[in-house]
Amino acid sequence: MTIDHSVPILVVDDFKTMVRIMRNFLTDLGFTDVDDASNGEDALEKMRSKTYGLVISDWNMQPMSGFDLLRRVRADPRTTSTRFIMVTAESKTDNVLSARQAGVDHYLVKPFNAQMLRSKLEQVLAH
């Protein structure tokens, strides 16, 4: 199972500390092309000008939630096949089911560590 560490990744979270933690984890795991956005609108804007292989987004954000971002990404023919991992502190069954129905590739529940993130990345990005 091989992971392409040059895959462009977009981390979306309105909490700067979480963005920094995620960026550090990804860098430690060998990823070299990591951008970030502070909300869904910012993420969509970045996705208009750059193609990402993976979006890792927090669920709870304002003004656009990660779930709404996922639905917008899946609805756009240019981004519909972009891999998407949803991150949340809530593991409510309804949320997991809604995200799956909307096309999420994987779900990561906070708190998590680098090993948990690596496992999800291997499942989502492995060739």
C-alpha atoms as a PDB file:
ATOM      1  CA  MET A   1       0.000   0.000   0.000  1.00  0.00           C
ATOM      2  CA  THR A   2       1.654   3.197  -1.219  1.00  0.00           C
ATOM      3  CA  ILE A   3       0.664   6.749  -0.363  1.00  0.00           C
ATOM      4  CA  ASP A   4       1.649   9.611  -2.637  1.00  0.00           C
ATOM      5  CA  HIS A   5       3.030  12.179  -0.181  1.00  0.00           C
ATOM      6  CA  SER A   6       2.993  14.892  -2.851  1.00  0.00           C
ATOM      7  CA  VAL A   7      -0.842  14.924  -2.920  1.00  0.00           C
ATOM      8  CA  PRO A   8      -2.016  18.508  -2.327  1.00  0.00           C
ATOM      9  CA  ILE A   9      -4.036  18.616   0.913  1.00  0.00           C
ATOM     10  CA  LEU A  10      -6.381  21.366   2.099  1.00  0.00           C
ATOM     11  CA  VAL A  11      -7.014  21.543   5.860  1.00  0.00           C
ATOM     12  CA  VAL A  12     -10.198  23.452   6.736  1.00  0.00           C
ATOM     13  CA  ASP A  13     -10.802  24.506  10.333  1.00  0.00           C
ATOM     14  CA  ASP A  14     -11.825  27.761  11.986  1.00  0.00           C
ATOM     15  CA  PHE A  15      -9.642  26.988  15.023  1.00  0.00           C
ATOM     16  CA  LYS A  16      -6.065  28.061  14.236  1.00  0.00           C
ATOM     17  CA  THR A  17      -4.568  25.695  16.824  1.00  0.00           C
ATOM     18  CA  MET A  18      -6.271  22.725  15.158  1.00  0.00           C
ATOM     19  CA  VAL A  19      -4.940  23.829  11.757  1.00  0.00           C
ATOM     20  CA  ARG A  20      -1.421  23.995  13.215  1.00  0.00           C
ATOM     21  CA  ILE A  21      -1.751  20.543  14.847  1.00  0.00           C
ATOM     22  CA  MET A  22      -3.077  19.009  11.622  1.00  0.00           C
ATOM     23  CA  ARG A  23      -0.360  20.674   9.538  1.00  0.00           C
ATOM     24  CA  ASN A  24       2.314  19.360  11.929  1.00  0.00           C
ATOM     25  CA  PHE A  25       0.886  15.834  11.800  1.00  0.00           C
ATOM     26  CA  LEU A  26       0.780  15.900   7.997  1.00  0.00           C
ATOM     27  CA  THR A  27       4.315  17.280   7.729  1.00  0.00           C
ATOM     28  CA  ASP A  28       5.575  14.644  10.193  1.00  0.00           C
ATOM     29  CA  LEU A  29       3.873  11.982   8.048  1.00  0.00           C
ATOM     30  CA  GLY A  30       5.807  13.230   4.999  1.00  0.00           C
ATOM     31  CA  PHE A  31       3.245  15.386   3.187  1.00  0.00           C
ATOM     32  CA  THR A  32       4.805  18.402   1.501  1.00  0.00           C
ATOM     33  CA  ASP A  33       1.903  20.307  -0.109  1.00  0.00           C
ATOM     34  CA  VAL A  34      -0.470  21.380   2.694  1.00  0.00           C
ATOM     35  CA  ASP A  35      -2.665  24.477   2.520  1.00  0.00           C
ATOM     36  CA  ASP A  36      -5.296  25.645   4.963  1.00  0.00           C
ATOM     37  CA  ALA A  37      -8.550  27.561   4.998  1.00  0.00           C
ATOM     38  CA  SER A  38     -10.369  29.030   7.986  1.00  0.00           C
ATOM     39  CA  ASN A  39     -13.903  28.275   6.757  1.00  0.00           C
ATOM     40  CA  GLY A  40     -15.905  26.615   3.995  1.00  0.00           C
ATOM     41  CA  GLU A  41     -16.137  29.715   1.800  1.00  0.00           C
ATOM     42  CA  ASP A  42     -12.365  30.222   1.976  1.00  0.00           C
ATOM     43  CA  ALA A  43     -11.887  26.533   1.139  1.00  0.00           C
ATOM     44  CA  LEU A  44     -14.117  26.746  -1.945  1.00  0.00           C
ATOM     45  CA  GLU A  45     -12.228  29.830  -3.107  1.00  0.00           C
ATOM     46  CA  LYS A  46      -8.895  27.991  -2.800  1.00  0.00           C
ATOM     47  CA  MET A  47     -10.348  24.963  -4.586  1.00  0.00           C
ATOM     48  CA  ARG A  48     -11.279  27.173  -7.549  1.00  0.00           C
ATOM     49  CA  SER A  49      -7.633  28.034  -8.145  1.00  0.00           C
ATOM     50  CA  LYS A  50      -5.879  24.790  -7.123  1.00  0.00           C
ATOM     51  CA  THR A  51      -6.692  21.095  -7.435  1.00  0.00           C
ATOM     52  CA  TYR A  52      -6.470  19.222  -4.135  1.00  0.00           C
ATOM     53  CA  GLY A  53      -6.238  15.467  -3.767  1.00  0.00           C
ATOM     54  CA  LEU A  54      -7.680  15.577  -0.265  1.00  0.00           C
ATOM     55  CA  VAL A  55      -9.717  17.926   1.900  1.00  0.00           C
ATOM     56  CA  ILE A  56      -9.633  17.432   5.670  1.00  0.00           C
ATOM     57  CA  SER A  57     -12.400  19.549   7.163  1.00  0.00           C
ATOM     58  CA  ASP A  58     -13.816  20.232  10.589  1.00  0.00           C
ATOM     59  CA  TRP A  59     -17.578  19.689  10.810  1.00  0.00           C
ATOM     60  CA  ASN A  60     -18.491  22.617  13.092  1.00  0.00           C
ATOM     61  CA  MET A  61     -17.586  25.919  11.459  1.00  0.00           C
ATOM     62  CA  GLN A  62     -19.319  29.205  10.688  1.00  0.00           C
ATOM     63  CA  PRO A  63     -20.673  30.536   8.414  1.00  0.00           C
ATOM     64  CA  MET A  64     -20.448  27.311   6.346  1.00  0.00           C
ATOM     65  CA  SER A  65     -20.164  23.976   8.139  1.00  0.00           C
ATOM     66  CA  GLY A  66     -17.855  21.215   6.992  1.00  0.00           C
ATOM     67  CA  PHE A  67     -20.943  19.216   6.061  1.00  0.00           C
ATOM     68  CA  ASP A  68     -22.144  22.030   3.779  1.00  0.00           C
ATOM     69  CA  LEU A  69     -18.637  22.254   2.321  1.00  0.00           C
ATOM     70  CA  LEU A  70     -18.715  18.508   1.613  1.00  0.00           C
ATOM     71  CA  ARG A  71     -22.051  18.833  -0.198  1.00  0.00           C
ATOM     72  CA  ARG A  72     -20.743  21.755  -2.290  1.00  0.00           C
ATOM     73  CA  VAL A  73     -17.540  19.853  -3.151  1.00  0.00           C
ATOM     74  CA  ARG A  74     -19.531  16.777  -4.209  1.00  0.00           C
ATOM     75  CA  ALA A  75     -21.976  18.901  -6.259  1.00  0.00           C
ATOM     76  CA  ASP A  76     -19.225  20.548  -8.337  1.00  0.00           C
ATOM     77  CA  PRO A  77     -18.048  18.438 -11.314  1.00  0.00           C
ATOM     78  CA  ARG A  78     -14.514  19.851 -10.911  1.00  0.00           C
ATOM     79  CA  THR A  79     -14.195  18.653  -7.303  1.00  0.00           C
ATOM     80  CA  THR A  80     -16.653  15.774  -7.038  1.00  0.00           C
ATOM     81  CA  SER A  81     -13.910  13.136  -6.922  1.00  0.00           C
ATOM     82  CA  THR A  82     -11.711  15.002  -4.385  1.00  0.00           C
ATOM     83  CA  ARG A  83     -11.085  12.803  -1.347  1.00  0.00           C
ATOM     84  CA  PHE A  84     -12.716  14.193   1.811  1.00  0.00           C
ATOM     85  CA  ILE A  85     -12.140  13.394   5.495  1.00  0.00           C
ATOM     86  CA  MET A  86     -14.523  14.947   8.018  1.00  0.00           C
ATOM     87  CA  VAL A  87     -13.167  15.794  11.474  1.00  0.00           C
ATOM     88  CA  THR A  88     -15.471  16.292  14.444  1.00  0.00           C
ATOM     89  CA  ALA A  89     -15.653  16.059  18.215  1.00  0.00           C
ATOM     90  CA  GLU A  90     -19.092  14.476  17.894  1.00  0.00           C
ATOM     91  CA  SER A  91     -19.509  10.905  16.757  1.00  0.00           C
ATOM     92  CA  LYS A  92     -23.302  11.038  16.549  1.00  0.00           C
ATOM     93  CA  THR A  93     -24.658   8.233  14.399  1.00  0.00           C
ATOM     94  CA  ASP A  94     -26.912  10.667  12.515  1.00  0.00           C
ATOM     95  CA  ASN A  95     -23.918  12.852  11.600  1.00  0.00           C
ATOM     96  CA  VAL A  96     -21.865   9.880  10.435  1.00  0.00           C
ATOM     97  CA  LEU A  97     -24.752   8.623   8.303  1.00  0.00           C
ATOM     98  CA  SER A  98     -25.434  12.083   6.861  1.00  0.00           C
ATOM     99  CA  ALA A  99     -21.770  12.526   5.967  1.00  0.00           C
ATOM    100  CA  ARG A 100     -21.628   9.069   4.355  1.00  0.00           C
ATOM    101  CA  GLN A 101     -24.746   9.801   2.311  1.00  0.00           C
ATOM    102  CA  ALA A 102     -23.209  13.103   1.214  1.00  0.00           C
ATOM    103  CA  GLY A 103     -20.101  11.288  -0.016  1.00  0.00           C
ATOM    104  CA  VAL A 104     -17.477  11.633   2.724  1.00  0.00           C
ATOM    105  CA  ASP A 105     -14.538   9.252   2.283  1.00  0.00           C
ATOM    106  CA  HIS A 106     -13.755   8.922   5.970  1.00  0.00           C
ATOM    107  CA  TYR A 107     -14.539  10.292   9.404  1.00  0.00           C
ATOM    108  CA  LEU A 108     -12.035  11.255  12.132  1.00  0.00           C
ATOM    109  CA  VAL A 109     -13.232  11.859  15.698  1.00  0.00           C
ATOM    110  CA  LYS A 110     -11.389  14.293  17.988  1.00  0.00           C
ATOM    111  CA  PRO A 111      -9.227  13.826  19.916  1.00  0.00           C
ATOM    112  CA  PHE A 112      -6.970  11.904  17.564  1.00  0.00           C
ATOM    113  CA  ASN A 113      -3.254  11.331  17.204  1.00  0.00           C
ATOM    114  CA  ALA A 114      -0.840  11.063  14.281  1.00  0.00           C
ATOM    115  CA  GLN A 115      -1.289   7.263  14.097  1.00  0.00           C
ATOM    116  CA  MET A 116      -5.072   7.583  13.804  1.00  0.00           C
ATOM    117  CA  LEU A 117      -4.652  10.226  11.081  1.00  0.00           C
ATOM    118  CA  ARG A 118      -2.104   8.042   9.261  1.00  0.00           C
ATOM    119  CA  SER A 119      -4.553   5.120   9.306  1.00  0.00           C
ATOM    120  CA  LYS A 120      -7.326   7.251   7.747  1.00  0.00           C
ATOM    121  CA  LEU A 121      -4.918   8.677   5.149  1.00  0.00           C
ATOM    122  CA  GLU A 122      -3.784   5.180   4.190  1.00  0.00           C
ATOM    123  CA  GLN A 123      -7.389   4.094   3.723  1.00  0.00           C
ATOM    124  CA  VAL A 124      -8.297   7.175   1.672  1.00  0.00           C
ATOM    125  CA  LEU A 125      -5.132   7.764  -0.361  1.00  0.00           C
ATOM    126  CA  ALA A 126      -3.648   4.286  -0.855  1.00  0.00           C
ATOM    127  CA  HIS A 127      -3.126   3.118  -4.425  1.00  0.00           C
END
